N, C-alpha and C. Protein backbone atom coordinates (compact mmCIF):
# COMPACT_ATOMS: atom_id res chain seq x y z
N MET A 1 94.69 11.01 118.34
CA MET A 1 95.40 10.22 117.98
C MET A 1 97.04 10.77 118.57
N THR A 2 98.05 9.50 118.25
CA THR A 2 99.15 9.76 118.83
C THR A 2 100.88 9.93 117.92
N ALA A 3 101.65 9.86 118.36
CA ALA A 3 102.61 9.01 117.68
C ALA A 3 102.43 7.45 117.72
N GLY A 4 102.81 6.58 117.00
CA GLY A 4 102.88 5.15 117.10
C GLY A 4 101.71 4.75 117.03
N ASP A 5 100.11 5.64 116.75
CA ASP A 5 99.16 5.48 115.76
C ASP A 5 99.44 5.14 114.55
N ILE A 6 98.71 3.90 113.86
CA ILE A 6 98.44 3.77 113.02
C ILE A 6 97.16 4.08 111.66
N ILE A 7 97.76 4.84 110.53
CA ILE A 7 96.92 6.26 110.39
C ILE A 7 96.39 4.92 108.90
N PHE A 8 94.89 4.89 108.09
CA PHE A 8 94.67 4.32 107.12
C PHE A 8 94.75 5.11 106.32
N PHE A 9 95.35 5.17 104.90
CA PHE A 9 94.26 6.53 103.17
C PHE A 9 93.28 5.46 102.56
N ASP A 10 92.12 6.59 102.53
CA ASP A 10 91.76 6.20 100.70
C ASP A 10 92.08 6.96 100.16
N TRP A 11 92.23 6.27 99.25
CA TRP A 11 93.09 7.57 97.88
C TRP A 11 92.15 7.93 96.93
N GLY A 12 90.69 7.21 97.08
CA GLY A 12 89.84 7.94 95.34
C GLY A 12 88.23 7.91 97.08
N ASN A 13 88.44 7.49 97.64
CA ASN A 13 87.07 7.47 98.59
C ASN A 13 85.96 6.83 98.76
N ASP A 14 86.56 5.80 98.48
CA ASP A 14 85.94 4.81 98.20
C ASP A 14 85.74 3.69 99.21
N GLY A 15 85.64 4.01 99.85
CA GLY A 15 85.25 3.13 101.36
C GLY A 15 86.80 1.83 100.70
N THR A 16 87.73 1.41 100.61
CA THR A 16 89.42 0.93 100.33
C THR A 16 90.29 1.50 100.95
N ILE A 17 90.83 0.82 101.53
CA ILE A 17 92.03 1.00 102.52
C ILE A 17 93.22 1.19 101.32
N ASP A 18 94.22 1.99 100.93
CA ASP A 18 94.52 2.17 99.56
C ASP A 18 96.10 2.14 100.70
N HIS A 19 96.26 2.09 101.65
CA HIS A 19 98.17 2.30 102.19
C HIS A 19 98.13 2.65 104.07
N VAL A 20 98.94 2.70 103.65
CA VAL A 20 99.27 2.56 105.54
C VAL A 20 100.05 3.62 106.00
N GLY A 21 100.66 4.60 106.97
CA GLY A 21 101.67 4.69 107.63
C GLY A 21 101.76 4.69 109.05
N ILE A 22 102.61 5.10 109.44
CA ILE A 22 102.39 5.40 110.53
C ILE A 22 103.05 6.48 111.30
N VAL A 23 102.22 7.75 112.23
CA VAL A 23 101.55 8.48 112.50
C VAL A 23 103.14 8.95 113.51
N GLU A 24 103.50 10.02 113.54
CA GLU A 24 104.80 10.77 113.79
C GLU A 24 104.59 11.49 114.85
N SER A 25 103.83 12.79 114.81
CA SER A 25 103.40 13.93 115.50
C SER A 25 102.36 14.08 115.04
N VAL A 26 101.73 15.12 115.73
CA VAL A 26 101.00 15.90 115.50
C VAL A 26 100.30 17.02 116.29
N THR A 27 100.50 17.88 114.81
CA THR A 27 101.19 19.64 115.20
C THR A 27 100.46 20.64 114.97
N ASN A 28 99.00 20.94 116.04
CA ASN A 28 98.55 22.21 114.93
C ASN A 28 97.21 21.78 113.90
N GLY A 29 96.95 20.42 114.40
CA GLY A 29 96.07 20.25 112.90
C GLY A 29 96.44 19.67 111.92
N VAL A 30 98.04 19.35 111.64
CA VAL A 30 98.30 18.29 110.86
C VAL A 30 98.99 17.03 111.98
N VAL A 31 98.30 16.14 110.46
CA VAL A 31 99.05 14.63 111.18
C VAL A 31 100.28 14.76 110.71
N ASN A 32 101.13 14.38 110.97
CA ASN A 32 102.94 14.02 110.64
C ASN A 32 103.08 12.56 110.60
N THR A 33 103.14 12.05 109.43
CA THR A 33 103.93 10.37 109.30
C THR A 33 104.52 9.65 108.57
N ILE A 34 105.18 9.10 108.42
CA ILE A 34 106.36 8.16 108.29
C ILE A 34 105.57 7.27 107.45
N GLU A 35 105.63 6.85 105.62
CA GLU A 35 105.12 6.05 104.78
C GLU A 35 106.24 5.82 103.84
N GLY A 36 105.88 4.50 104.07
CA GLY A 36 106.66 3.18 103.36
C GLY A 36 105.75 3.48 101.87
N ASN A 37 107.01 3.10 100.51
CA ASN A 37 106.10 3.14 99.66
C ASN A 37 105.32 4.44 98.35
N SER A 38 105.45 5.17 99.31
CA SER A 38 105.72 6.79 98.46
C SER A 38 106.81 6.94 98.24
N GLY A 39 106.01 7.08 96.87
CA GLY A 39 106.65 7.28 95.45
C GLY A 39 108.76 6.65 95.29
N ASP A 40 108.09 5.61 95.81
CA ASP A 40 108.55 4.29 95.87
C ASP A 40 109.63 4.67 97.18
N LYS A 41 109.69 4.84 98.23
CA LYS A 41 110.70 5.44 98.96
C LYS A 41 110.09 5.81 100.57
N VAL A 42 110.97 5.32 101.73
CA VAL A 42 110.25 5.55 102.86
C VAL A 42 110.22 7.39 102.52
N ALA A 43 108.36 8.41 103.49
CA ALA A 43 108.96 9.48 103.23
C ALA A 43 108.27 9.96 104.45
N ARG A 44 109.09 10.69 105.02
CA ARG A 44 107.52 11.65 106.31
C ARG A 44 106.33 12.46 105.07
N ARG A 45 105.00 12.53 105.92
CA ARG A 45 104.52 12.95 104.99
C ARG A 45 103.57 13.65 106.03
N SER A 46 102.44 14.62 105.43
CA SER A 46 101.71 15.27 106.00
C SER A 46 100.14 16.32 105.60
N TYR A 47 99.28 15.54 106.57
CA TYR A 47 97.95 15.50 105.98
C TYR A 47 97.48 16.69 107.06
N SER A 48 96.39 18.00 106.76
CA SER A 48 95.31 18.22 107.32
C SER A 48 94.21 17.44 108.00
N MET A 49 93.94 17.38 109.49
CA MET A 49 92.91 15.67 110.30
C MET A 49 91.96 16.30 109.71
N GLY A 50 91.84 16.93 109.07
CA GLY A 50 90.54 16.77 108.17
C GLY A 50 90.39 15.90 106.57
N SER A 51 91.69 15.64 106.65
CA SER A 51 91.89 15.41 105.31
C SER A 51 91.38 13.84 104.41
N ASP A 52 90.35 14.58 103.48
CA ASP A 52 88.97 12.75 103.23
C ASP A 52 89.73 11.58 102.52
N SER A 53 91.16 12.00 102.82
CA SER A 53 92.17 11.15 102.27
C SER A 53 92.09 10.19 103.79
N ILE A 54 92.58 10.32 104.34
CA ILE A 54 91.86 10.19 105.56
C ILE A 54 91.28 9.02 106.39
N TYR A 55 91.39 7.76 106.13
CA TYR A 55 90.24 6.56 106.51
C TYR A 55 89.95 6.63 108.09
N GLY A 56 91.45 6.33 108.29
CA GLY A 56 91.36 6.63 110.58
C GLY A 56 92.33 5.55 110.75
N TYR A 57 91.89 5.46 111.90
CA TYR A 57 92.90 4.78 112.92
C TYR A 57 92.81 3.98 113.60
N SER A 58 94.13 3.30 114.03
CA SER A 58 94.69 2.21 114.93
C SER A 58 95.85 2.47 115.67
N VAL A 59 95.06 2.06 116.68
CA VAL A 59 95.93 2.28 118.30
C VAL A 59 96.60 0.58 118.04
N PRO A 60 98.23 0.29 117.79
CA PRO A 60 98.55 -0.83 118.14
C PRO A 60 99.27 -1.26 120.06
N ALA A 61 98.92 -3.15 120.23
CA ALA A 61 98.97 -3.19 121.19
C ALA A 61 99.92 -2.76 121.54
N TYR A 62 100.91 -2.12 121.73
CA TYR A 62 102.87 -2.51 121.79
C TYR A 62 102.92 -3.52 123.10
């Protein structure tokens, strides 16, 4: 994954996508994102690349 990719999250690990964000960067096994509706605001967040909450990624056709 690279900056600009879309990242999908499954908070309950039930196969249902619950949230989406934009990959800002990937550094040392950590995915840094920009997400809307994160505590009712737009926020930068970070996740381990192996996080169970990450459902998958998509590459937009910009």
